[in-house]
Amino acid sequence: MAQEVTEALDRMCVSEYLDGVRQVVPGFQGAEVLPPICVAETEVPEGFTDAIVWQTLTEGLEAGKLPADNRTLYVLFAPPGTAAAGDCASGRDILLWHEMPLRYAWITGAITALEQRSLRDAYTTHASRELVELCADPEGRGGVPVPDVADLNDLNTQEDLGLCMDAYMHLDGFLVHTYWSESPGDRNACGDALKEDWDFAEASQCRGS
C-alpha cells in the first residue's frame, strides 16, 4: 500500500495535476516526492489529535529521521482503520520547529465518499486534497466562504483559492480530488454539475488548519 500511495503522490507532482496551482501561486515550481520514511514504530492511538502528530514529527526530527526544511511538506499516513479525533479524514497545520515553520498534513484511510471504492482510493483522495491546498495556500490564510457569499462557479468569489471540491477524477489510475482553477477548460476545473455536491460545513470542520 505504501508503494502505491507513494506512486500516486509522484504522479500528482510530475503530471499536469498541479498546473492549476500556478494560477493562484505565481512562480510555483511544482513538487517532488521523497522516499517514504517510517517515523513511528508504536501504534497510533484511536482518535489521535494534532498533539499526537506534533509529537510524532518532533520525535522524527530529533532522531534525525526527518530533515528540518521549511520547503518540505511532511505527510503522515495513519495505519488503516485508525481514526482521527472528530472523525476527520485528513488535516493540515504548521509546526514551529526552532522558530522554523514546518508544514505538515496527516492522512487517514477513512472512506468518506461513494467514489472511494478501496483503501487506496481513500488515501490518494485525501492526500491529493491536502497537497493541493497546502501548495495553493501554504500559510493557511484562506477560509471557506459561506454559501450566500461565494458563487461556486466563479473563482473570483472564492476566499480559499485552490480549494478542493467534493468531486473526483482518475489520474493515471489513481483517484484524486478535483479543485478550482481559473480556466473552465482545465481538467481540474469544477463547474455547474458539481454545485450540489459541495458541503461547506464538512470542509470548514475538517481542513485541519
C-alpha atoms as a PDB file:
ATOM      1  CA  MET A   1       0.000   0.000   0.000  1.00  0.00           C
ATOM      2  CA  ALA A   2       2.801   2.440   0.885  1.00  0.00           C
ATOM      3  CA  GLN A   3       4.394   1.936  -2.509  1.00  0.00           C
ATOM      4  CA  GLU A   4       1.099   2.548  -4.329  1.00  0.00           C
ATOM      5  CA  VAL A   5       0.328   5.719  -2.374  1.00  0.00           C
ATOM      6  CA  THR A   6       3.874   6.990  -2.948  1.00  0.00           C
ATOM      7  CA  GLU A   7       3.431   6.326  -6.663  1.00  0.00           C
ATOM      8  CA  ALA A   8       0.127   8.232  -6.632  1.00  0.00           C
ATOM      9  CA  LEU A   9       1.772  11.241  -4.961  1.00  0.00           C
ATOM     10  CA  ASP A  10       4.568  11.106  -7.506  1.00  0.00           C
ATOM     11  CA  ARG A  11       2.053  11.133 -10.368  1.00  0.00           C
ATOM     12  CA  MET A  12       0.316  14.166  -8.874  1.00  0.00           C
ATOM     13  CA  CYS A  13       3.629  16.010  -8.738  1.00  0.00           C
ATOM     14  CA  VAL A  14       5.081  15.128 -12.153  1.00  0.00           C
ATOM     15  CA  SER A  15       1.859  15.301 -14.202  1.00  0.00           C
ATOM     16  CA  GLU A  16      -0.240  18.344 -15.100  1.00  0.00           C
ATOM     17  CA  TYR A  17      -2.372  17.802 -11.992  1.00  0.00           C
ATOM     18  CA  LEU A  18      -0.814  20.717 -10.082  1.00  0.00           C
ATOM     19  CA  ASP A  19      -0.839  23.101 -13.057  1.00  0.00           C
ATOM     20  CA  GLY A  20      -3.892  24.905 -11.661  1.00  0.00           C
ATOM     21  CA  VAL A  21      -1.902  25.880  -8.565  1.00  0.00           C
ATOM     22  CA  ARG A  22       0.287  28.132 -10.717  1.00  0.00           C
ATOM     23  CA  GLN A  23      -2.778  30.258 -11.438  1.00  0.00           C
ATOM     24  CA  VAL A  24      -3.029  31.301  -7.792  1.00  0.00           C
ATOM     25  CA  VAL A  25       0.648  30.988  -6.792  1.00  0.00           C
ATOM     26  CA  PRO A  26       2.780  32.761  -9.429  1.00  0.00           C
ATOM     27  CA  GLY A  27       6.164  31.132  -9.741  1.00  0.00           C
ATOM     28  CA  PHE A  28       5.060  27.797  -8.275  1.00  0.00           C
ATOM     29  CA  GLN A  29       7.669  25.294  -9.453  1.00  0.00           C
ATOM     30  CA  GLY A  30       5.858  22.078  -8.631  1.00  0.00           C
ATOM     31  CA  ALA A  31       6.962  19.413  -6.177  1.00  0.00           C
ATOM     32  CA  GLU A  32       8.789  16.126  -5.913  1.00  0.00           C
ATOM     33  CA  VAL A  33       8.193  13.119  -3.688  1.00  0.00           C
ATOM     34  CA  LEU A  34      10.952  11.807  -1.445  1.00  0.00           C
ATOM     35  CA  PRO A  35      11.149   8.129  -0.399  1.00  0.00           C
ATOM     36  CA  PRO A  36       8.762   7.256   2.459  1.00  0.00           C
ATOM     37  CA  ILE A  37      10.154   7.023   5.989  1.00  0.00           C
ATOM     38  CA  CYS A  38       8.772   5.114   8.974  1.00  0.00           C
ATOM     39  CA  VAL A  39       8.730   7.704  11.756  1.00  0.00           C
ATOM     40  CA  ALA A  40       6.700   5.842  14.402  1.00  0.00           C
ATOM     41  CA  GLU A  41       7.181   2.241  15.479  1.00  0.00           C
ATOM     42  CA  THR A  42       4.442   2.420  18.112  1.00  0.00           C
ATOM     43  CA  GLU A  43       0.739   2.016  17.418  1.00  0.00           C
ATOM     44  CA  VAL A  44      -1.147   5.198  16.569  1.00  0.00           C
ATOM     45  CA  PRO A  45      -3.938   5.686  19.136  1.00  0.00           C
ATOM     46  CA  GLU A  46      -7.551   5.661  18.043  1.00  0.00           C
ATOM     47  CA  GLY A  47      -8.963   9.176  17.861  1.00  0.00           C
ATOM     48  CA  PHE A  48      -5.492  10.720  17.530  1.00  0.00           C
ATOM     49  CA  THR A  49      -5.191  14.503  17.725  1.00  0.00           C
ATOM     50  CA  ASP A  50      -2.839  17.153  16.364  1.00  0.00           C
ATOM     51  CA  ALA A  51      -0.836  16.809  19.576  1.00  0.00           C
ATOM     52  CA  ILE A  52      -0.004  13.205  18.626  1.00  0.00           C
ATOM     53  CA  VAL A  53       1.002  14.314  15.139  1.00  0.00           C
ATOM     54  CA  TRP A  54       3.213  17.078  16.585  1.00  0.00           C
ATOM     55  CA  GLN A  55       4.843  14.555  18.914  1.00  0.00           C
ATOM     56  CA  THR A  56       5.490  12.125  16.055  1.00  0.00           C
ATOM     57  CA  LEU A  57       7.011  14.837  13.880  1.00  0.00           C
ATOM     58  CA  THR A  58       9.117  16.175  16.743  1.00  0.00           C
ATOM     59  CA  GLU A  59      10.486  12.723  17.566  1.00  0.00           C
ATOM     60  CA  GLY A  60      11.316  12.125  13.900  1.00  0.00           C
ATOM     61  CA  LEU A  61      13.125  15.458  13.664  1.00  0.00           C
ATOM     62  CA  GLU A  62      15.034  14.944  16.918  1.00  0.00           C
ATOM     63  CA  ALA A  63      16.097  11.442  15.855  1.00  0.00           C
ATOM     64  CA  GLY A  64      17.332  12.722  12.517  1.00  0.00           C
ATOM     65  CA  LYS A  65      14.840  10.601  10.574  1.00  0.00           C
ATOM     66  CA  LEU A  66      13.301  13.721   9.039  1.00  0.00           C
ATOM     67  CA  PRO A  67      15.121  16.730   7.593  1.00  0.00           C
ATOM     68  CA  ALA A  68      14.223  20.101   9.108  1.00  0.00           C
ATOM     69  CA  ASP A  69      13.365  22.008   5.948  1.00  0.00           C
ATOM     70  CA  ASN A  70      10.692  24.683   5.597  1.00  0.00           C
ATOM     71  CA  ARG A  71      10.358  23.867   1.883  1.00  0.00           C
ATOM     72  CA  THR A  72       9.287  20.313   2.715  1.00  0.00           C
ATOM     73  CA  LEU A  73       5.701  19.185   3.212  1.00  0.00           C
ATOM     74  CA  TYR A  74       5.579  16.401   5.781  1.00  0.00           C
ATOM     75  CA  VAL A  75       2.760  13.951   5.067  1.00  0.00           C
ATOM     76  CA  LEU A  76       1.957  11.431   7.799  1.00  0.00           C
ATOM     77  CA  PHE A  77      -0.238   8.453   6.905  1.00  0.00           C
ATOM     78  CA  ALA A  78      -2.149   6.786   9.718  1.00  0.00           C
ATOM     79  CA  PRO A  79      -2.426   2.974   9.597  1.00  0.00           C
ATOM     80  CA  PRO A  80      -5.591   1.515   8.022  1.00  0.00           C
ATOM     81  CA  GLY A  81      -8.544   1.546  10.392  1.00  0.00           C
ATOM     82  CA  THR A  82      -7.141   4.304  12.603  1.00  0.00           C
ATOM     83  CA  ALA A  83      -9.495   7.256  13.021  1.00  0.00           C
ATOM     84  CA  ALA A  84      -8.635  10.830  13.917  1.00  0.00           C
ATOM     85  CA  ALA A  85     -10.390  12.907  16.544  1.00  0.00           C
ATOM     86  CA  GLY A  86     -13.647  14.302  15.236  1.00  0.00           C
ATOM     87  CA  ASP A  87     -13.734  11.631  12.514  1.00  0.00           C
ATOM     88  CA  CYS A  88     -11.908  13.952  10.121  1.00  0.00           C
ATOM     89  CA  ALA A  89     -10.300  12.105   7.229  1.00  0.00           C
ATOM     90  CA  SER A  90      -7.306  14.410   6.918  1.00  0.00           C
ATOM     91  CA  GLY A  91      -5.941  17.724   8.094  1.00  0.00           C
ATOM     92  CA  ARG A  92      -3.024  20.109   7.940  1.00  0.00           C
ATOM     93  CA  ASP A  93      -1.225  22.617  10.108  1.00  0.00           C
ATOM     94  CA  ILE A  94       2.131  24.255  10.813  1.00  0.00           C
ATOM     95  CA  LEU A  95       4.642  23.097  13.436  1.00  0.00           C
ATOM     96  CA  LEU A  96       7.089  25.697  14.729  1.00  0.00           C
ATOM     97  CA  TRP A  97      10.442  23.917  14.997  1.00  0.00           C
ATOM     98  CA  HIS A  98      13.176  26.111  16.498  1.00  0.00           C
ATOM     99  CA  GLU A  99      11.359  29.148  15.087  1.00  0.00           C
ATOM    100  CA  MET A 100      11.168  27.486  11.662  1.00  0.00           C
ATOM    101  CA  PRO A 101       7.627  26.896  10.343  1.00  0.00           C
ATOM    102  CA  LEU A 102       7.244  23.308   9.083  1.00  0.00           C
ATOM    103  CA  ARG A 103       4.098  22.458   7.134  1.00  0.00           C
ATOM    104  CA  TYR A 104       2.561  19.052   7.558  1.00  0.00           C
ATOM    105  CA  ALA A 105      -0.524  17.046   6.705  1.00  0.00           C
ATOM    106  CA  TRP A 106      -1.947  13.873   8.180  1.00  0.00           C
ATOM    107  CA  ILE A 107      -3.958  11.359   6.188  1.00  0.00           C
ATOM    108  CA  THR A 108      -6.247   8.518   7.253  1.00  0.00           C
ATOM    109  CA  GLY A 109      -7.796   5.714   5.241  1.00  0.00           C
ATOM    110  CA  ALA A 110     -11.352   6.791   6.088  1.00  0.00           C
ATOM    111  CA  ILE A 111     -13.884   6.116   3.344  1.00  0.00           C
ATOM    112  CA  THR A 112     -15.875   9.343   3.022  1.00  0.00           C
ATOM    113  CA  ALA A 113     -17.400   9.138  -0.462  1.00  0.00           C
ATOM    114  CA  LEU A 114     -19.064   6.579  -2.707  1.00  0.00           C
ATOM    115  CA  GLU A 115     -16.338   7.141  -5.292  1.00  0.00           C
ATOM    116  CA  GLN A 116     -13.739   5.773  -2.889  1.00  0.00           C
ATOM    117  CA  ARG A 117     -14.015   2.062  -3.619  1.00  0.00           C
ATOM    118  CA  SER A 118     -10.884   0.961  -1.801  1.00  0.00           C
ATOM    119  CA  LEU A 119      -8.470   1.895   0.946  1.00  0.00           C
ATOM    120  CA  ARG A 120      -6.072   3.109  -1.718  1.00  0.00           C
ATOM    121  CA  ASP A 121      -8.754   5.452  -3.098  1.00  0.00           C
ATOM    122  CA  ALA A 122      -9.269   6.920   0.369  1.00  0.00           C
ATOM    123  CA  TYR A 123      -5.569   7.564   0.925  1.00  0.00           C
ATOM    124  CA  THR A 124      -4.969   9.066  -2.522  1.00  0.00           C
ATOM    125  CA  THR A 125      -8.005  11.364  -2.485  1.00  0.00           C
ATOM    126  CA  HIS A 126      -7.313  12.714   0.996  1.00  0.00           C
ATOM    127  CA  ALA A 127      -3.632  13.151   0.134  1.00  0.00           C
ATOM    128  CA  SER A 128      -4.449  14.998  -3.093  1.00  0.00           C
ATOM    129  CA  ARG A 129      -6.712  17.390  -1.231  1.00  0.00           C
ATOM    130  CA  GLU A 130      -4.096  18.309   1.360  1.00  0.00           C
ATOM    131  CA  LEU A 131      -1.350  18.526  -1.263  1.00  0.00           C
ATOM    132  CA  VAL A 132      -3.311  20.973  -3.414  1.00  0.00           C
ATOM    133  CA  GLU A 133      -4.480  23.140  -0.542  1.00  0.00           C
ATOM    134  CA  LEU A 134      -1.018  23.333   1.022  1.00  0.00           C
ATOM    135  CA  CYS A 135       0.611  24.222  -2.304  1.00  0.00           C
ATOM    136  CA  ALA A 136      -2.068  26.817  -3.103  1.00  0.00           C
ATOM    137  CA  ASP A 137      -2.206  28.302   0.407  1.00  0.00           C
ATOM    138  CA  PRO A 138       0.974  27.350   2.304  1.00  0.00           C
ATOM    139  CA  GLU A 139       0.364  29.900   5.048  1.00  0.00           C
ATOM    140  CA  GLY A 140      -3.172  28.668   5.737  1.00  0.00           C
ATOM    141  CA  ARG A 141      -4.656  32.132   5.319  1.00  0.00           C
ATOM    142  CA  GLY A 142      -7.656  31.133   3.197  1.00  0.00           C
ATOM    143  CA  GLY A 143     -11.089  30.496   4.638  1.00  0.00           C
ATOM    144  CA  VAL A 144     -14.074  28.579   3.371  1.00  0.00           C
ATOM    145  CA  PRO A 145     -16.639  31.171   2.227  1.00  0.00           C
ATOM    146  CA  VAL A 146     -20.227  30.940   3.323  1.00  0.00           C
ATOM    147  CA  PRO A 147     -22.714  29.711   0.680  1.00  0.00           C
ATOM    148  CA  ASP A 148     -24.551  33.031   0.252  1.00  0.00           C
ATOM    149  CA  VAL A 149     -21.303  34.890  -0.467  1.00  0.00           C
ATOM    150  CA  ALA A 150     -19.472  32.526  -2.800  1.00  0.00           C
ATOM    151  CA  ASP A 151     -20.581  31.561  -6.271  1.00  0.00           C
ATOM    152  CA  LEU A 152     -19.195  28.075  -6.750  1.00  0.00           C
ATOM    153  CA  ASN A 153     -18.940  28.692 -10.498  1.00  0.00           C
ATOM    154  CA  ASP A 154     -16.902  31.877 -10.113  1.00  0.00           C
ATOM    155  CA  LEU A 155     -13.309  31.561  -8.913  1.00  0.00           C
ATOM    156  CA  ASN A 156     -13.160  35.293  -8.157  1.00  0.00           C
ATOM    157  CA  THR A 157     -15.590  34.862  -5.245  1.00  0.00           C
ATOM    158  CA  GLN A 158     -13.521  32.159  -3.571  1.00  0.00           C
ATOM    159  CA  GLU A 159     -11.597  33.201  -0.477  1.00  0.00           C
ATOM    160  CA  ASP A 160      -9.670  29.914  -0.401  1.00  0.00           C
ATOM    161  CA  LEU A 161      -8.054  29.627  -3.834  1.00  0.00           C
ATOM    162  CA  GLY A 162      -7.085  26.083  -4.713  1.00  0.00           C
ATOM    163  CA  LEU A 163      -9.882  24.728  -2.528  1.00  0.00           C
ATOM    164  CA  CYS A 164     -10.680  21.131  -3.414  1.00  0.00           C
ATOM    165  CA  MET A 165     -14.187  20.144  -4.356  1.00  0.00           C
ATOM    166  CA  ASP A 166     -16.057  17.042  -3.216  1.00  0.00           C
ATOM    167  CA  ALA A 167     -15.786  15.570  -6.679  1.00  0.00           C
ATOM    168  CA  TYR A 168     -13.148  13.271  -8.112  1.00  0.00           C
ATOM    169  CA  MET A 169     -11.288  12.204 -11.209  1.00  0.00           C
ATOM    170  CA  HIS A 170      -8.810   9.477 -12.113  1.00  0.00           C
ATOM    171  CA  LEU A 171      -5.189  10.425 -12.669  1.00  0.00           C
ATOM    172  CA  ASP A 172      -3.248   7.600 -14.270  1.00  0.00           C
ATOM    173  CA  GLY A 173      -5.474   5.096 -12.477  1.00  0.00           C
ATOM    174  CA  PHE A 174      -5.416   6.833  -9.091  1.00  0.00           C
ATOM    175  CA  LEU A 175      -8.474   8.553  -7.654  1.00  0.00           C
ATOM    176  CA  VAL A 176      -7.825  12.219  -6.745  1.00  0.00           C
ATOM    177  CA  HIS A 177      -9.794  15.337  -5.837  1.00  0.00           C
ATOM    178  CA  THR A 178     -10.701  17.952  -8.404  1.00  0.00           C
ATOM    179  CA  TYR A 179     -10.040  21.561  -7.456  1.00  0.00           C
ATOM    180  CA  TRP A 180     -10.654  25.119  -8.617  1.00  0.00           C
ATOM    181  CA  SER A 181      -8.719  26.623 -11.492  1.00  0.00           C
ATOM    182  CA  GLU A 182      -9.372  29.780 -13.470  1.00  0.00           C
ATOM    183  CA  SER A 183      -9.683  28.150 -16.877  1.00  0.00           C
ATOM    184  CA  PRO A 184     -13.040  26.394 -17.486  1.00  0.00           C
ATOM    185  CA  GLY A 185     -11.309  24.110 -19.969  1.00  0.00           C
ATOM    186  CA  ASP A 186      -8.751  22.873 -17.475  1.00  0.00           C
ATOM    187  CA  ARG A 187      -9.191  19.245 -16.440  1.00  0.00           C
ATOM    188  CA  ASN A 188      -9.138  20.324 -12.793  1.00  0.00           C
ATOM    189  CA  ALA A 189     -11.831  22.985 -13.140  1.00  0.00           C
ATOM    190  CA  CYS A 190     -15.174  22.483 -11.452  1.00  0.00           C
ATOM    191  CA  GLY A 191     -18.442  23.646 -12.945  1.00  0.00           C
ATOM    192  CA  ASP A 192     -22.219  23.729 -12.538  1.00  0.00           C
ATOM    193  CA  ALA A 193     -22.627  19.969 -12.267  1.00  0.00           C
ATOM    194  CA  LEU A 194     -20.669  19.919  -9.005  1.00  0.00           C
ATOM    195  CA  LYS A 195     -22.577  22.712  -7.289  1.00  0.00           C
ATOM    196  CA  GLU A 196     -24.915  20.488  -5.285  1.00  0.00           C
ATOM    197  CA  ASP A 197     -22.084  18.195  -4.165  1.00  0.00           C
ATOM    198  CA  TRP A 198     -20.318  20.828  -2.071  1.00  0.00           C
ATOM    199  CA  ASP A 199     -20.598  20.661   1.696  1.00  0.00           C
ATOM    200  CA  PHE A 200     -19.304  23.868   3.297  1.00  0.00           C
ATOM    201  CA  ALA A 201     -19.785  22.660   6.874  1.00  0.00           C
ATOM    202  CA  GLU A 202     -17.731  19.496   6.412  1.00  0.00           C
ATOM    203  CA  ALA A 203     -14.940  21.396   4.699  1.00  0.00           C
ATOM    204  CA  SER A 204     -14.670  24.058   7.350  1.00  0.00           C
ATOM    205  CA  GLN A 205     -14.561  21.490  10.170  1.00  0.00           C
ATOM    206  CA  CYS A 206     -12.047  19.088   8.689  1.00  0.00           C
ATOM    207  CA  ARG A 207      -9.452  21.236   6.940  1.00  0.00           C
ATOM    208  CA  GLY A 208      -7.175  20.896   9.928  1.00  0.00           C
ATOM    209  CA  SER A 209      -5.925  24.460   9.871  1.00  0.00           C
END
